[in-house]
Amino acid sequence: MIIKTAGGDGFVARPPANLSAALLHGPDQGLVRERADTLAKSVCADLRDAFRVSELDEATMLADPARLADEAAALSMTGGRRVVRVRSAGNALAEVFEALLQDSACCALVIVEAGDLPKGTPLREIFEEAKNAASVACYPDSTAGLAQLVRSALKVEGVTLSDDALEEAVSLLGADRAMSRQQIEKLALYGRGGGQLQVADIRAVMGDEAEARVEEVCDAAGEGDWIRLDRSLERLWSASTTPVGILRVAMAHFQRLVLAKAARGHELEALMKRRPAIHFSRVSSFKAQMQRWSVPRLQETLDLLLETEVLCKTTAVPGEAACARALFTVAAWAKLRD
Protein backbone atom coordinates (compact mmCIF):
# COMPACT_ATOMS: atom_id res chain seq x y z
CA MET A 1 0.00 0.00 0.00
CA ILE A 2 1.39 3.41 -0.98
CA ILE A 3 0.55 6.47 1.11
CA LYS A 4 1.68 9.75 -0.42
CA THR A 5 3.04 12.46 1.83
CA ALA A 6 -0.15 14.56 1.63
CA GLY A 7 -2.21 11.73 3.11
CA GLY A 8 0.36 10.63 5.67
CA ASP A 9 -0.91 12.54 8.71
CA GLY A 10 -4.44 11.21 8.35
CA PHE A 11 -3.23 7.65 7.74
CA VAL A 12 -1.02 7.42 10.83
CA ALA A 13 -3.71 8.97 13.03
CA ARG A 14 -6.34 6.43 11.88
CA PRO A 15 -4.56 3.37 10.46
CA PRO A 16 -6.60 0.45 9.06
CA ALA A 17 -7.29 -2.38 11.51
CA ASN A 18 -5.48 -4.97 9.36
CA LEU A 19 -2.20 -3.02 9.23
CA SER A 20 0.70 -5.22 10.33
CA ALA A 21 3.61 -2.92 9.50
CA ALA A 22 4.37 0.52 8.14
CA LEU A 23 7.52 1.97 6.60
CA LEU A 24 7.94 5.72 7.10
CA HIS A 25 10.62 7.14 4.82
CA GLY A 26 11.76 10.36 3.21
CA PRO A 27 14.14 13.30 3.49
CA ASP A 28 12.17 14.99 6.29
CA GLN A 29 13.38 12.96 9.27
CA GLY A 30 11.47 15.16 11.70
CA LEU A 31 8.25 14.23 9.91
CA VAL A 32 9.28 10.55 9.88
CA ARG A 33 9.68 10.62 13.68
CA GLU A 34 6.48 12.59 14.25
CA ARG A 35 4.39 10.23 12.13
CA ALA A 36 6.03 7.17 13.68
CA ASP A 37 5.09 8.46 17.16
CA THR A 38 1.53 9.21 16.07
CA LEU A 39 1.12 5.77 14.52
CA ALA A 40 2.53 4.08 17.62
CA LYS A 41 0.15 6.03 19.87
CA SER A 42 -2.81 4.82 17.82
CA VAL A 43 -2.04 1.41 19.36
CA CYS A 44 -0.37 2.29 22.68
CA ALA A 45 -0.91 5.71 24.27
CA ASP A 46 2.15 5.41 26.54
CA LEU A 47 5.22 4.87 24.38
CA ARG A 48 7.32 4.34 27.54
CA ASP A 49 5.38 1.16 28.39
CA ALA A 50 8.12 -1.48 28.25
CA PHE A 51 5.56 -4.29 28.17
CA ARG A 52 3.92 -3.01 24.99
CA VAL A 53 6.66 -1.12 23.15
CA SER A 54 10.01 -2.55 22.08
CA GLU A 55 12.77 -1.13 19.89
CA LEU A 56 15.20 -2.84 17.53
CA ASP A 57 18.06 -1.59 15.40
CA GLU A 58 19.50 -2.83 12.12
CA ALA A 59 22.62 -4.37 13.70
CA THR A 60 20.56 -6.50 16.09
CA MET A 61 18.27 -7.72 13.34
CA LEU A 62 21.09 -8.59 10.96
CA ALA A 63 22.83 -10.54 13.72
CA ASP A 64 19.60 -12.35 14.65
CA PRO A 65 17.09 -12.28 11.74
CA ALA A 66 14.50 -14.21 13.80
CA ARG A 67 14.41 -11.50 16.47
CA LEU A 68 11.90 -9.33 14.59
CA ALA A 69 9.45 -12.21 14.11
CA ASP A 70 9.74 -13.15 17.79
CA GLU A 71 9.02 -9.58 18.91
CA ALA A 72 6.13 -9.20 16.46
CA ALA A 73 4.49 -12.45 17.63
CA ALA A 74 4.92 -11.77 21.36
CA LEU A 75 1.87 -10.90 23.47
CA SER A 76 1.77 -8.16 26.07
CA MET A 77 1.66 -9.30 29.70
CA THR A 78 -0.64 -6.37 30.51
CA GLY A 79 -2.99 -6.76 27.55
CA GLY A 80 -3.39 -4.66 24.45
CA ARG A 81 -1.56 -4.78 21.13
CA ARG A 82 2.21 -4.34 21.16
CA VAL A 83 4.34 -1.99 19.06
CA VAL A 84 7.74 -2.90 17.63
CA ARG A 85 9.79 0.06 16.44
CA VAL A 86 12.73 -0.29 14.06
CA ARG A 87 14.84 2.83 13.57
CA SER A 88 17.26 3.77 10.77
CA ALA A 89 16.33 0.75 8.64
CA GLY A 90 18.04 0.12 5.32
CA ASN A 91 17.72 -2.16 2.32
CA ALA A 92 19.86 -4.79 4.06
CA LEU A 93 16.75 -5.69 6.08
CA ALA A 94 14.47 -6.16 3.06
CA GLU A 95 14.36 -9.97 3.26
CA VAL A 96 13.68 -9.87 7.01
CA PHE A 97 10.62 -7.67 6.51
CA GLU A 98 9.46 -9.67 3.50
CA ALA A 99 9.42 -12.83 5.64
CA LEU A 100 7.59 -11.01 8.43
CA LEU A 101 4.79 -9.75 6.19
CA GLN A 102 4.19 -13.26 4.88
CA ASP A 103 3.84 -14.57 8.45
CA SER A 104 0.28 -14.61 9.76
CA ALA A 105 1.61 -14.69 13.35
CA CYS A 106 2.45 -10.97 13.27
CA CYS A 107 0.35 -9.68 16.18
CA ALA A 108 2.17 -6.44 16.95
CA LEU A 109 2.22 -3.30 14.84
CA VAL A 110 5.73 -2.97 13.37
CA ILE A 111 6.78 0.61 12.67
CA VAL A 112 9.89 1.12 10.56
CA GLU A 113 11.72 4.45 10.25
CA ALA A 114 14.06 4.97 7.31
CA GLY A 115 15.82 7.73 5.42
CA ASP A 116 15.16 8.91 1.88
CA LEU A 117 14.65 5.69 -0.09
CA PRO A 118 14.49 6.10 -3.88
CA LYS A 119 11.55 4.59 -5.72
CA GLY A 120 12.18 0.97 -6.65
CA THR A 121 14.46 0.15 -3.73
CA PRO A 122 13.81 -3.30 -2.19
CA LEU A 123 12.62 -2.07 1.19
CA ARG A 124 10.07 0.32 -0.30
CA GLU A 125 8.76 -2.24 -2.78
CA ILE A 126 8.09 -4.82 -0.08
CA PHE A 127 5.90 -2.44 1.92
CA GLU A 128 4.23 -0.96 -1.16
CA GLU A 129 3.19 -4.34 -2.54
CA ALA A 130 2.06 -6.02 0.71
CA LYS A 131 -1.67 -5.85 1.45
CA ASN A 132 -1.09 -5.76 5.21
CA ALA A 133 1.60 -3.06 5.13
CA ALA A 134 2.05 0.54 4.04
CA SER A 135 4.83 2.72 2.69
CA VAL A 136 4.33 6.28 3.95
CA ALA A 137 6.29 9.02 2.17
CA CYS A 138 7.56 11.89 4.36
CA TYR A 139 8.60 14.87 2.26
CA PRO A 140 9.00 18.47 3.47
CA ASP A 141 5.83 20.49 3.99
CA SER A 142 4.75 22.75 1.15
CA THR A 143 4.32 26.47 1.76
CA ALA A 144 0.57 25.96 2.10
CA GLY A 145 1.12 23.04 4.47
CA LEU A 146 3.45 25.09 6.67
CA ALA A 147 0.94 27.95 6.77
CA GLN A 148 -1.78 25.56 7.91
CA LEU A 149 0.57 24.09 10.52
CA VAL A 150 1.22 27.57 11.95
CA ARG A 151 -2.44 28.63 11.93
CA SER A 152 -3.64 25.42 13.59
CA ALA A 153 -1.06 25.56 16.41
CA LEU A 154 -1.66 29.24 17.19
CA LYS A 155 -5.44 28.89 17.05
CA VAL A 156 -5.28 26.63 20.11
CA GLU A 157 -3.68 29.52 22.04
CA GLY A 158 -6.16 32.05 20.67
CA VAL A 159 -3.44 33.75 18.63
CA THR A 160 -3.78 35.05 15.08
CA LEU A 161 -1.26 36.48 12.60
CA SER A 162 -1.44 39.25 10.08
CA ASP A 163 -0.98 38.10 6.47
CA ASP A 164 2.53 39.53 6.39
CA ALA A 165 3.40 37.86 9.69
CA LEU A 166 2.18 34.49 8.44
CA GLU A 167 4.26 34.85 5.29
CA GLU A 168 7.31 35.79 7.36
CA ALA A 169 6.81 32.83 9.72
CA VAL A 170 6.53 30.36 6.84
CA SER A 171 9.69 31.77 5.23
CA LEU A 172 11.64 31.06 8.43
CA LEU A 173 10.48 27.47 8.80
CA GLY A 174 12.54 24.67 7.33
CA ALA A 175 12.34 21.31 5.64
CA ASP A 176 12.24 19.34 8.91
CA ARG A 177 8.86 18.93 10.63
CA ALA A 178 10.39 18.55 14.10
CA MET A 179 12.30 21.81 13.81
CA SER A 180 9.20 23.55 12.43
CA ARG A 181 7.18 22.31 15.39
CA GLN A 182 9.78 23.69 17.81
CA GLN A 183 9.68 27.11 16.18
CA ILE A 184 5.87 27.16 16.11
CA GLU A 185 5.74 26.15 19.78
CA LYS A 186 7.99 29.10 20.65
CA LEU A 187 5.68 31.38 18.68
CA ALA A 188 2.58 30.01 20.43
CA LEU A 189 4.19 30.50 23.83
CA TYR A 190 5.14 34.08 22.92
CA GLY A 191 1.60 34.93 21.82
CA ARG A 192 -0.24 32.99 24.55
CA GLY A 193 -3.24 34.88 25.84
CA GLY A 194 -4.59 36.01 22.49
CA GLY A 195 -4.00 38.91 20.15
CA GLN A 196 -2.54 39.26 16.69
CA LEU A 197 1.16 38.86 15.94
CA GLN A 198 2.94 41.12 13.49
CA VAL A 199 6.12 40.72 11.42
CA ALA A 200 8.24 42.26 14.20
CA ASP A 201 6.98 39.60 16.62
CA ILE A 202 7.88 36.80 14.22
CA ARG A 203 11.40 38.11 13.75
CA ALA A 204 11.88 38.58 17.49
CA VAL A 205 10.91 34.99 18.24
CA MET A 206 12.07 32.97 15.23
CA GLY A 207 15.10 34.87 13.97
CA ASP A 208 17.23 34.62 17.11
CA GLU A 209 20.97 34.25 17.47
CA ALA A 210 20.72 30.74 18.97
CA GLU A 211 19.89 29.27 15.55
CA ALA A 212 23.08 30.68 14.05
CA ARG A 213 25.06 29.27 16.97
CA VAL A 214 23.66 25.79 16.42
CA GLU A 215 24.59 26.03 12.74
CA GLU A 216 28.12 26.95 13.82
CA VAL A 217 28.22 23.75 15.90
CA CYS A 218 27.16 21.73 12.85
CA ASP A 219 29.86 23.27 10.67
CA ALA A 220 32.53 22.83 13.35
CA ALA A 221 31.66 19.14 13.73
CA GLY A 222 31.45 18.66 9.96
CA GLU A 223 34.85 20.25 9.46
CA GLY A 224 36.48 18.39 12.36
CA ASP A 225 37.29 21.64 14.20
CA TRP A 226 37.33 20.52 17.85
CA ILE A 227 38.34 23.88 19.34
CA ARG A 228 35.57 25.77 17.53
CA LEU A 229 33.08 23.03 18.39
CA ASP A 230 33.94 23.21 22.09
CA ARG A 231 33.64 27.00 22.12
CA SER A 232 30.32 26.96 20.24
CA LEU A 233 28.80 24.34 22.54
CA GLU A 234 29.77 26.33 25.62
CA ARG A 235 27.89 29.33 24.25
CA LEU A 236 24.81 27.18 23.60
CA TRP A 237 24.88 25.69 27.10
CA SER A 238 25.15 29.22 28.54
CA ALA A 239 22.06 30.17 26.54
CA SER A 240 20.17 27.11 27.91
CA THR A 241 19.81 25.57 24.45
CA THR A 242 18.47 22.03 24.76
CA PRO A 243 20.68 19.10 23.69
CA VAL A 244 17.78 17.54 21.77
CA GLY A 245 17.29 20.77 19.82
CA ILE A 246 20.97 20.80 18.86
CA LEU A 247 20.89 17.15 17.83
CA ARG A 248 17.87 17.69 15.60
CA VAL A 249 19.48 20.62 13.80
CA ALA A 250 22.63 18.52 13.39
CA MET A 251 20.60 15.66 11.90
CA ALA A 252 18.99 18.03 9.41
CA HIS A 253 22.44 19.39 8.50
CA PHE A 254 24.01 15.97 7.85
CA GLN A 255 20.88 14.73 6.06
CA ARG A 256 21.26 17.70 3.69
CA LEU A 257 24.87 16.69 3.11
CA VAL A 258 23.65 13.19 2.14
CA LEU A 259 21.28 14.72 -0.41
CA ALA A 260 24.01 17.07 -1.64
CA LYS A 261 26.30 14.14 -2.42
CA ALA A 262 23.77 12.95 -5.01
CA ALA A 263 22.97 16.41 -6.40
CA ARG A 264 24.42 17.74 -9.63
CA GLY A 265 24.78 21.28 -10.98
CA HIS A 266 21.62 23.32 -10.46
CA GLU A 267 20.25 20.62 -8.14
CA LEU A 268 22.95 21.46 -5.59
CA GLU A 269 22.19 25.17 -5.73
CA ALA A 270 18.47 24.47 -5.28
CA LEU A 271 19.22 22.17 -2.36
CA MET A 272 21.22 24.87 -0.57
CA LYS A 273 18.40 27.38 -1.09
CA ARG A 274 15.74 25.00 0.27
CA ARG A 275 14.20 26.28 3.51
CA PRO A 276 15.96 26.97 5.76
CA ALA A 277 18.42 28.23 3.14
CA ILE A 278 22.13 27.97 3.85
CA HIS A 279 23.39 31.45 4.62
CA PHE A 280 25.90 32.77 2.08
CA SER A 281 28.55 32.88 4.81
CA ARG A 282 28.25 29.08 5.24
CA VAL A 283 28.22 28.05 1.58
CA SER A 284 31.97 27.45 1.28
CA SER A 285 32.00 25.41 4.50
CA PHE A 286 29.03 23.33 3.33
CA LYS A 287 30.67 22.54 -0.01
CA ALA A 288 33.94 21.64 1.72
CA GLN A 289 32.07 19.26 4.03
CA MET A 290 30.32 17.72 1.05
CA GLN A 291 33.72 16.86 -0.43
CA ARG A 292 35.13 15.65 2.88
CA TRP A 293 32.37 13.21 3.84
CA SER A 294 31.39 9.90 2.22
CA VAL A 295 27.76 8.75 2.13
CA PRO A 296 28.39 5.67 4.36
CA ARG A 297 30.10 7.85 6.96
CA LEU A 298 27.24 10.37 6.81
CA GLN A 299 24.72 7.57 7.35
CA GLU A 300 26.76 6.38 10.32
CA THR A 301 26.70 9.93 11.67
CA LEU A 302 22.91 10.18 11.32
CA ASP A 303 22.53 6.89 13.19
CA LEU A 304 24.75 8.17 16.00
CA LEU A 305 22.86 11.45 16.31
CA LEU A 306 19.48 9.67 16.35
CA GLU A 307 20.68 7.19 18.97
CA THR A 308 21.95 10.08 21.09
CA GLU A 309 18.60 11.88 20.84
CA VAL A 310 16.82 8.73 22.03
CA LEU A 311 19.36 8.39 24.85
CA CYS A 312 18.73 11.99 25.96
CA LYS A 313 14.95 11.53 25.91
CA THR A 314 14.62 8.08 27.49
CA THR A 315 17.41 7.78 30.08
CA ALA A 316 18.91 9.70 32.98
CA VAL A 317 22.16 10.27 31.11
CA PRO A 318 23.07 14.01 31.24
CA GLY A 319 21.89 15.40 27.92
CA GLU A 320 24.64 17.96 27.48
CA ALA A 321 27.34 15.34 28.02
CA ALA A 322 25.72 12.86 25.62
CA CYS A 323 25.21 15.52 22.94
CA ALA A 324 28.78 16.81 23.26
CA ARG A 325 30.24 13.30 23.11
CA ALA A 326 28.31 12.53 19.93
CA LEU A 327 29.36 15.76 18.22
CA PHE A 328 33.02 15.34 19.15
CA THR A 329 32.84 11.80 17.75
CA VAL A 330 31.46 13.28 14.52
CA ALA A 331 34.29 15.82 14.47
CA ALA A 332 36.79 12.97 14.82
CA TRP A 333 35.16 11.11 11.92
CA ALA A 334 35.47 14.28 9.80
CA LYS A 335 39.23 13.88 9.95
CA LEU A 336 39.13 10.30 8.64
CA ARG A 337 39.53 9.48 4.97
CA ASP A 338 37.34 6.61 3.77
Foldseek 3Di string as FASTA:
>chain_A
DEAEQVCLVVCLQPPDPLALEEEEEELQLLQLVVSLLNNQCSFPVDCLPPQAEEEDEPVVCVVPLCVVVVVQLDAGPVDTAHEYEYEADDLVCLVSVLVNLVDPSRRHYYYYYHYHDDPPRSNQVSQVPRPNHYYYYHWFDDLVRLLVVLQVLLVVQQEAEDPQLSNLLSLQDARHVNRSVVLSVQLSVVQRPHDYDYNVSSCVRRVDPLVVLLVQLLLCLLQLPVVSNVVSLVVCVVVVNFLLSSLVVNLSLLSLLLVCLPDDDVRNVVSCVGPVHDDPVCVVSSVVSSVQDDNVLSSVLSVLSVVLSCCCVNHPPPNSVSSSVSSNVSSVVSPDHD
